[in-house]
Every structure is written in C-alpha cells, then in structure tokens.
Amino acid sequence: MREASEPSDASLAVAARAGNEVAFAALMRRHKGWLYQFIRRYVADRDEAYDVLQESFVSTWAALARYDPERPFEAWLRRIALNKCRDRARRNAVKRAAFRVLGLEVASKPDENAAPSADARARVDSALQRLEAAIAQLPRTLKEPLVLTMLEGLSHREAGDILGTNAKAIETRVYRAKRRLAEMLDPEILDDMTELQTY
C-alpha cells in the first residue's frame, strides 16, 4: 500500500513522461508485484510471464505520452499488460498452427529435460518466420480461411459466416491453402518445425 507521503502514480507518470527514469523505476517497483501475478494467471509459464512483464514495462515507457493523468494508472497499465498477453498468445497460436498446417503432431507438454539449444531455437524461429511470410503471400481467398480456422480457432462454419460463404467452401480453401504452403516452403522447414515440440 502506498504511504500518504509518497508521490501518486499520476505524478510519477508525468515525471517519467518528461524523461525522469527514476520516477519510472519507482512506478515499476510499485506495480511489478501485482502485475506479474495478473500476467501469471494469463500466461501459464513463470519465465514466459516474466518476459511479458518486461515487455509490458517497455511498452508502458514508450506509450507514456498517451497516458491521461486524470485516469487510474493501474487500469492503464493493466490494459497494456493484457495486450501483451494477447500478443504472446497469438504467437503461441502460430506455433501450434504451424504443426497443424504442416501435418505434425503437437506435444501436449514439452520435455523439460530436452530443452532446445540456442541454435535449435534460432532455426525454429527462422522456420516460423518463413511460415508466417508464406501465409502472408497467400491470396486473400486462401489466407483468410486459414487464419480464421487455424490461428483463430474458428470452426469452418463460423469462418464461413464471417466470409459470407459455407463451411464446405472454407474446408476446400483451407485444404488449398495448406497445399500451397507446402509448395512454397523449403522441405527442410519440416525438420525445423518438429523442434517446436521442445519449445
């Protein structure tokens, strides 16, 4: 709990916005405990939650010019952290979808005794970037059904309702999108993508 003699969040935020790093450090110390717990409930892994906490504070510093001192700083900070949690969830969804797109098995739980090396992680990151780039190059009629079903988790029917067509058409387009991706991607990407199971 903040002592009455301590500066308010708003005053610290205004000072930080003017470039006062000491004021920003005070804000981080004040809020990192509850914010980590908030993120931890959204992100299951402790290390990943800590990464999201750091990303949230970096984004907070960058966005201070948009903070309204008349509004609660805590609520504003919570929204930033929630957006970072959602960003991380989307990135993880890309990894999971990569398995399904390429017809690979998804490990239900990583083997903690088989942590990937830095080189393996780099290759997997490169494979993901190639996959994302390939998806971006798909024509809209194939990309949208693939993204809605494989990344957003919608059913063929739900995706069809959004795109103004039927479930069968979505199923066909997703099949064609997968086939097109298989043609666009290098064969060795399959080996790299299997290492996602150890992430």
C-alpha atoms as a PDB file:
ATOM      1  CA  MET A   1       0.000   0.000   0.000  1.00  0.00           C
ATOM      2  CA  ARG A   2       1.297   3.472  -0.868  1.00  0.00           C
ATOM      3  CA  GLU A   3       2.110   5.807   2.008  1.00  0.00           C
ATOM      4  CA  ALA A   4       0.284   9.141   2.020  1.00  0.00           C
ATOM      5  CA  SER A   5       3.611  10.975   1.732  1.00  0.00           C
ATOM      6  CA  GLU A   6       4.639   9.086  -1.404  1.00  0.00           C
ATOM      7  CA  PRO A   7       4.033  10.626  -4.831  1.00  0.00           C
ATOM      8  CA  SER A   8       0.948   9.466  -6.692  1.00  0.00           C
ATOM      9  CA  ASP A   9       1.076   7.225  -9.726  1.00  0.00           C
ATOM     10  CA  ALA A  10      -0.074  10.126 -11.869  1.00  0.00           C
ATOM     11  CA  SER A  11       2.684  12.456 -10.683  1.00  0.00           C
ATOM     12  CA  LEU A  12       5.318   9.773 -11.197  1.00  0.00           C
ATOM     13  CA  ALA A  13       3.940   9.025 -14.648  1.00  0.00           C
ATOM     14  CA  VAL A  14       4.031  12.708 -15.605  1.00  0.00           C
ATOM     15  CA  ALA A  15       7.635  12.934 -14.398  1.00  0.00           C
ATOM     16  CA  ALA A  16       8.539   9.755 -16.292  1.00  0.00           C
ATOM     17  CA  ARG A  17       6.870  11.127 -19.406  1.00  0.00           C
ATOM     18  CA  ALA A  18       9.254  14.091 -19.162  1.00  0.00           C
ATOM     19  CA  GLY A  19      12.173  11.656 -19.210  1.00  0.00           C
ATOM     20  CA  ASN A  20      12.652  11.029 -15.494  1.00  0.00           C
ATOM     21  CA  GLU A  21      13.867   7.425 -15.388  1.00  0.00           C
ATOM     22  CA  VAL A  22      13.980   7.399 -11.578  1.00  0.00           C
ATOM     23  CA  ALA A  23      10.251   8.159 -11.482  1.00  0.00           C
ATOM     24  CA  PHE A  24       9.579   5.355 -13.950  1.00  0.00           C
ATOM     25  CA  ALA A  25      11.687   2.928 -11.906  1.00  0.00           C
ATOM     26  CA  ALA A  26       9.562   3.858  -8.874  1.00  0.00           C
ATOM     27  CA  LEU A  27       6.417   3.034 -10.846  1.00  0.00           C
ATOM     28  CA  MET A  28       7.842  -0.331 -11.870  1.00  0.00           C
ATOM     29  CA  ARG A  29       8.763  -1.195  -8.286  1.00  0.00           C
ATOM     30  CA  ARG A  30       5.327  -0.154  -7.085  1.00  0.00           C
ATOM     31  CA  HIS A  31       3.382  -2.208  -9.618  1.00  0.00           C
ATOM     32  CA  LYS A  32       5.548  -5.154 -10.660  1.00  0.00           C
ATOM     33  CA  GLY A  33       4.241  -7.500  -7.932  1.00  0.00           C
ATOM     34  CA  TRP A  34       0.544  -7.408  -8.694  1.00  0.00           C
ATOM     35  CA  LEU A  35       1.166  -7.015 -12.426  1.00  0.00           C
ATOM     36  CA  TYR A  36       3.286 -10.167 -12.519  1.00  0.00           C
ATOM     37  CA  GLN A  37       0.522 -12.073 -10.718  1.00  0.00           C
ATOM     38  CA  PHE A  38      -2.024 -10.726 -13.197  1.00  0.00           C
ATOM     39  CA  ILE A  39       0.116 -11.845 -16.152  1.00  0.00           C
ATOM     40  CA  ARG A  40       0.885 -15.186 -14.472  1.00  0.00           C
ATOM     41  CA  ARG A  41      -2.822 -16.014 -14.389  1.00  0.00           C
ATOM     42  CA  TYR A  42      -2.979 -15.407 -18.133  1.00  0.00           C
ATOM     43  CA  VAL A  43       0.378 -16.984 -19.062  1.00  0.00           C
ATOM     44  CA  ALA A  44       0.948 -20.408 -17.546  1.00  0.00           C
ATOM     45  CA  ASP A  45       4.761 -20.461 -17.665  1.00  0.00           C
ATOM     46  CA  ARG A  46       6.613 -18.458 -14.995  1.00  0.00           C
ATOM     47  CA  ASP A  47       9.539 -17.486 -17.214  1.00  0.00           C
ATOM     48  CA  GLU A  48       7.200 -16.513 -20.021  1.00  0.00           C
ATOM     49  CA  ALA A  49       5.151 -14.419 -17.599  1.00  0.00           C
ATOM     50  CA  TYR A  50       8.321 -12.605 -16.530  1.00  0.00           C
ATOM     51  CA  ASP A  51       9.145 -11.923 -20.197  1.00  0.00           C
ATOM     52  CA  VAL A  52       5.654 -10.493 -20.722  1.00  0.00           C
ATOM     53  CA  LEU A  53       6.083  -8.333 -17.604  1.00  0.00           C
ATOM     54  CA  GLN A  54       9.276  -6.854 -19.063  1.00  0.00           C
ATOM     55  CA  GLU A  55       7.590  -6.304 -22.449  1.00  0.00           C
ATOM     56  CA  SER A  56       4.707  -4.569 -20.675  1.00  0.00           C
ATOM     57  CA  PHE A  57       7.015  -2.108 -18.896  1.00  0.00           C
ATOM     58  CA  VAL A  58       8.942  -1.398 -22.108  1.00  0.00           C
ATOM     59  CA  SER A  59       5.649  -0.648 -23.882  1.00  0.00           C
ATOM     60  CA  THR A  60       4.488   1.463 -20.939  1.00  0.00           C
ATOM     61  CA  TRP A  61       7.609   3.627 -21.153  1.00  0.00           C
ATOM     62  CA  ALA A  62       7.124   4.029 -24.910  1.00  0.00           C
ATOM     63  CA  ALA A  63       3.441   4.936 -24.501  1.00  0.00           C
ATOM     64  CA  LEU A  64       3.695   7.392 -21.597  1.00  0.00           C
ATOM     65  CA  ALA A  65       2.938  10.319 -23.900  1.00  0.00           C
ATOM     66  CA  ARG A  66      -0.579   8.891 -24.302  1.00  0.00           C
ATOM     67  CA  TYR A  67      -1.255   8.418 -20.596  1.00  0.00           C
ATOM     68  CA  ASP A  68      -4.027  10.608 -19.167  1.00  0.00           C
ATOM     69  CA  PRO A  69      -3.119  11.567 -15.564  1.00  0.00           C
ATOM     70  CA  GLU A  70      -6.819  12.030 -14.807  1.00  0.00           C
ATOM     71  CA  ARG A  71      -7.350   8.279 -15.218  1.00  0.00           C
ATOM     72  CA  PRO A  72      -6.062   5.482 -12.937  1.00  0.00           C
ATOM     73  CA  PHE A  73      -2.537   4.472 -13.911  1.00  0.00           C
ATOM     74  CA  GLU A  74      -3.134   0.920 -12.689  1.00  0.00           C
ATOM     75  CA  ALA A  75      -6.014   0.341 -15.090  1.00  0.00           C
ATOM     76  CA  TRP A  76      -3.985   1.775 -17.981  1.00  0.00           C
ATOM     77  CA  LEU A  77      -1.033  -0.462 -17.103  1.00  0.00           C
ATOM     78  CA  ARG A  78      -3.308  -3.492 -16.844  1.00  0.00           C
ATOM     79  CA  ARG A  79      -4.620  -2.867 -20.389  1.00  0.00           C
ATOM     80  CA  ILE A  80      -1.071  -2.719 -21.743  1.00  0.00           C
ATOM     81  CA  ALA A  81      -0.194  -5.983 -20.000  1.00  0.00           C
ATOM     82  CA  LEU A  82      -3.359  -7.643 -21.285  1.00  0.00           C
ATOM     83  CA  ASN A  83      -2.477  -6.644 -24.840  1.00  0.00           C
ATOM     84  CA  LYS A  84       0.995  -8.126 -24.361  1.00  0.00           C
ATOM     85  CA  CYS A  85      -0.558 -11.346 -23.049  1.00  0.00           C
ATOM     86  CA  ARG A  86      -2.772 -11.484 -26.117  1.00  0.00           C
ATOM     87  CA  ASP A  87       0.222 -10.846 -28.391  1.00  0.00           C
ATOM     88  CA  ARG A  88       2.086 -13.715 -26.755  1.00  0.00           C
ATOM     89  CA  ALA A  89      -0.973 -15.966 -27.063  1.00  0.00           C
ATOM     90  CA  ARG A  90      -1.190 -15.160 -30.773  1.00  0.00           C
ATOM     91  CA  ARG A  91       2.484 -16.012 -31.269  1.00  0.00           C
ATOM     92  CA  ASN A  92       1.985 -19.298 -29.448  1.00  0.00           C
ATOM     93  CA  ALA A  93      -1.071 -19.950 -31.607  1.00  0.00           C
ATOM     94  CA  VAL A  94       1.111 -19.521 -34.695  1.00  0.00           C
ATOM     95  CA  LYS A  95       3.438 -22.190 -33.333  1.00  0.00           C
ATOM     96  CA  ARG A  96       0.569 -24.579 -32.636  1.00  0.00           C
ATOM     97  CA  ALA A  97      -0.998 -23.863 -36.000  1.00  0.00           C
ATOM     98  CA  ALA A  98       2.335 -24.500 -37.679  1.00  0.00           C
ATOM     99  CA  PHE A  99       2.080 -28.117 -36.602  1.00  0.00           C
ATOM    100  CA  ARG A 100      -1.433 -28.469 -37.938  1.00  0.00           C
ATOM    101  CA  VAL A 101      -0.652 -26.651 -41.192  1.00  0.00           C
ATOM    102  CA  LEU A 102       2.313 -28.913 -41.829  1.00  0.00           C
ATOM    103  CA  GLY A 103       0.608 -32.067 -40.556  1.00  0.00           C
ATOM    104  CA  LEU A 104       2.813 -32.516 -37.490  1.00  0.00           C
ATOM    105  CA  GLU A 105       1.957 -33.779 -34.040  1.00  0.00           C
ATOM    106  CA  VAL A 106       1.687 -31.218 -31.233  1.00  0.00           C
ATOM    107  CA  ALA A 107       3.335 -32.214 -27.979  1.00  0.00           C
ATOM    108  CA  SER A 108       0.908 -31.749 -25.100  1.00  0.00           C
ATOM    109  CA  LYS A 109       3.731 -30.882 -22.716  1.00  0.00           C
ATOM    110  CA  PRO A 110       7.336 -30.025 -23.579  1.00  0.00           C
ATOM    111  CA  ASP A 111      10.027 -32.347 -22.254  1.00  0.00           C
ATOM    112  CA  GLU A 112      11.743 -30.243 -19.622  1.00  0.00           C
ATOM    113  CA  ASN A 113      14.836 -32.475 -19.844  1.00  0.00           C
ATOM    114  CA  ALA A 114      15.185 -31.842 -23.580  1.00  0.00           C
ATOM    115  CA  ALA A 115      15.405 -28.064 -23.710  1.00  0.00           C
ATOM    116  CA  PRO A 116      16.387 -26.876 -27.175  1.00  0.00           C
ATOM    117  CA  SER A 117      19.798 -25.369 -27.744  1.00  0.00           C
ATOM    118  CA  ALA A 118      20.226 -21.746 -28.787  1.00  0.00           C
ATOM    119  CA  ASP A 119      20.965 -22.984 -32.312  1.00  0.00           C
ATOM    120  CA  ALA A 120      17.791 -25.069 -32.367  1.00  0.00           C
ATOM    121  CA  ARG A 121      15.731 -22.124 -31.149  1.00  0.00           C
ATOM    122  CA  ALA A 122      17.245 -19.921 -33.845  1.00  0.00           C
ATOM    123  CA  ARG A 123      16.358 -22.457 -36.531  1.00  0.00           C
ATOM    124  CA  VAL A 124      12.817 -22.797 -35.210  1.00  0.00           C
ATOM    125  CA  ASP A 125      12.413 -19.008 -35.127  1.00  0.00           C
ATOM    126  CA  SER A 126      13.644 -18.864 -38.707  1.00  0.00           C
ATOM    127  CA  ALA A 127      11.205 -21.607 -39.702  1.00  0.00           C
ATOM    128  CA  LEU A 128       8.338 -19.718 -38.071  1.00  0.00           C
ATOM    129  CA  GLN A 129       9.299 -16.535 -39.887  1.00  0.00           C
ATOM    130  CA  ARG A 130       9.295 -18.395 -43.187  1.00  0.00           C
ATOM    131  CA  LEU A 131       5.916 -19.908 -42.406  1.00  0.00           C
ATOM    132  CA  GLU A 132       4.445 -16.512 -41.455  1.00  0.00           C
ATOM    133  CA  ALA A 133       5.900 -14.962 -44.612  1.00  0.00           C
ATOM    134  CA  ALA A 134       4.428 -17.761 -46.712  1.00  0.00           C
ATOM    135  CA  ILE A 135       0.996 -17.300 -45.122  1.00  0.00           C
ATOM    136  CA  ALA A 136       1.204 -13.553 -45.830  1.00  0.00           C
ATOM    137  CA  GLN A 137       1.834 -14.290 -49.524  1.00  0.00           C
ATOM    138  CA  LEU A 138      -1.273 -16.442 -49.910  1.00  0.00           C
ATOM    139  CA  PRO A 139      -4.119 -14.880 -51.897  1.00  0.00           C
ATOM    140  CA  ARG A 140      -6.811 -13.379 -49.676  1.00  0.00           C
ATOM    141  CA  THR A 141      -9.319 -16.104 -50.594  1.00  0.00           C
ATOM    142  CA  LEU A 142      -6.976 -18.730 -49.103  1.00  0.00           C
ATOM    143  CA  LYS A 143      -5.269 -16.723 -46.371  1.00  0.00           C
ATOM    144  CA  GLU A 144      -8.427 -15.539 -44.618  1.00  0.00           C
ATOM    145  CA  PRO A 145      -9.994 -19.005 -44.168  1.00  0.00           C
ATOM    146  CA  LEU A 146      -6.632 -20.398 -42.998  1.00  0.00           C
ATOM    147  CA  VAL A 147      -6.083 -17.628 -40.450  1.00  0.00           C
ATOM    148  CA  LEU A 148      -9.630 -17.802 -39.114  1.00  0.00           C
ATOM    149  CA  THR A 149      -9.615 -21.567 -38.652  1.00  0.00           C
ATOM    150  CA  MET A 150      -6.006 -22.495 -37.929  1.00  0.00           C
ATOM    151  CA  LEU A 151      -4.882 -19.418 -35.979  1.00  0.00           C
ATOM    152  CA  GLU A 152      -8.089 -18.017 -34.508  1.00  0.00           C
ATOM    153  CA  GLY A 153      -9.592 -21.441 -33.816  1.00  0.00           C
ATOM    154  CA  LEU A 154     -12.944 -20.863 -35.511  1.00  0.00           C
ATOM    155  CA  SER A 155     -14.932 -23.715 -36.996  1.00  0.00           C
ATOM    156  CA  HIS A 156     -15.412 -23.920 -40.753  1.00  0.00           C
ATOM    157  CA  ARG A 157     -18.988 -22.809 -40.255  1.00  0.00           C
ATOM    158  CA  GLU A 158     -18.022 -19.782 -38.139  1.00  0.00           C
ATOM    159  CA  ALA A 159     -15.360 -18.775 -40.640  1.00  0.00           C
ATOM    160  CA  GLY A 160     -17.900 -19.191 -43.444  1.00  0.00           C
ATOM    161  CA  ASP A 161     -20.357 -16.884 -41.668  1.00  0.00           C
ATOM    162  CA  ILE A 162     -17.670 -14.201 -41.388  1.00  0.00           C
ATOM    163  CA  LEU A 163     -16.540 -14.554 -45.001  1.00  0.00           C
ATOM    164  CA  GLY A 164     -20.024 -14.904 -46.454  1.00  0.00           C
ATOM    165  CA  THR A 165     -19.734 -18.484 -47.639  1.00  0.00           C
ATOM    166  CA  ASN A 166     -20.444 -22.002 -46.402  1.00  0.00           C
ATOM    167  CA  ALA A 167     -18.454 -24.460 -44.316  1.00  0.00           C
ATOM    168  CA  LYS A 168     -17.670 -26.712 -47.290  1.00  0.00           C
ATOM    169  CA  ALA A 169     -16.123 -23.806 -49.199  1.00  0.00           C
ATOM    170  CA  ILE A 170     -13.988 -22.938 -46.165  1.00  0.00           C
ATOM    171  CA  GLU A 171     -12.832 -26.551 -45.855  1.00  0.00           C
ATOM    172  CA  THR A 172     -11.812 -26.561 -49.522  1.00  0.00           C
ATOM    173  CA  ARG A 173      -9.964 -23.254 -49.249  1.00  0.00           C
ATOM    174  CA  VAL A 174      -8.097 -24.328 -46.120  1.00  0.00           C
ATOM    175  CA  TYR A 175      -7.023 -27.529 -47.903  1.00  0.00           C
ATOM    176  CA  ARG A 176      -5.800 -25.486 -50.876  1.00  0.00           C
ATOM    177  CA  ALA A 177      -4.002 -23.049 -48.558  1.00  0.00           C
ATOM    178  CA  LYS A 178      -2.150 -25.911 -46.857  1.00  0.00           C
ATOM    179  CA  ARG A 179      -1.204 -27.407 -50.208  1.00  0.00           C
ATOM    180  CA  ARG A 180       0.038 -24.023 -51.445  1.00  0.00           C
ATOM    181  CA  LEU A 181       2.127 -23.564 -48.297  1.00  0.00           C
ATOM    182  CA  ALA A 182       3.688 -26.992 -48.773  1.00  0.00           C
ATOM    183  CA  GLU A 183       4.706 -25.909 -52.285  1.00  0.00           C
ATOM    184  CA  MET A 184       6.077 -22.553 -51.109  1.00  0.00           C
ATOM    185  CA  LEU A 185       8.133 -23.744 -48.147  1.00  0.00           C
ATOM    186  CA  ASP A 186      11.535 -25.400 -48.290  1.00  0.00           C
ATOM    187  CA  PRO A 187      11.407 -29.129 -47.441  1.00  0.00           C
ATOM    188  CA  GLU A 188      13.841 -28.681 -44.535  1.00  0.00           C
ATOM    189  CA  ILE A 189      11.318 -26.465 -42.759  1.00  0.00           C
ATOM    190  CA  LEU A 190       9.544 -29.663 -41.726  1.00  0.00           C
ATOM    191  CA  ASP A 191      12.588 -30.744 -39.728  1.00  0.00           C
ATOM    192  CA  ASP A 192      12.873 -27.329 -38.113  1.00  0.00           C
ATOM    193  CA  MET A 193       9.187 -27.216 -37.223  1.00  0.00           C
ATOM    194  CA  THR A 194       9.375 -30.544 -35.377  1.00  0.00           C
ATOM    195  CA  GLU A 195      11.727 -28.843 -32.918  1.00  0.00           C
ATOM    196  CA  LEU A 196       8.846 -26.634 -31.820  1.00  0.00           C
ATOM    197  CA  GLN A 197       7.796 -29.604 -29.705  1.00  0.00           C
ATOM    198  CA  THR A 198      10.752 -28.936 -27.402  1.00  0.00           C
ATOM    199  CA  TYR A 199       9.989 -25.226 -27.023  1.00  0.00           C
END
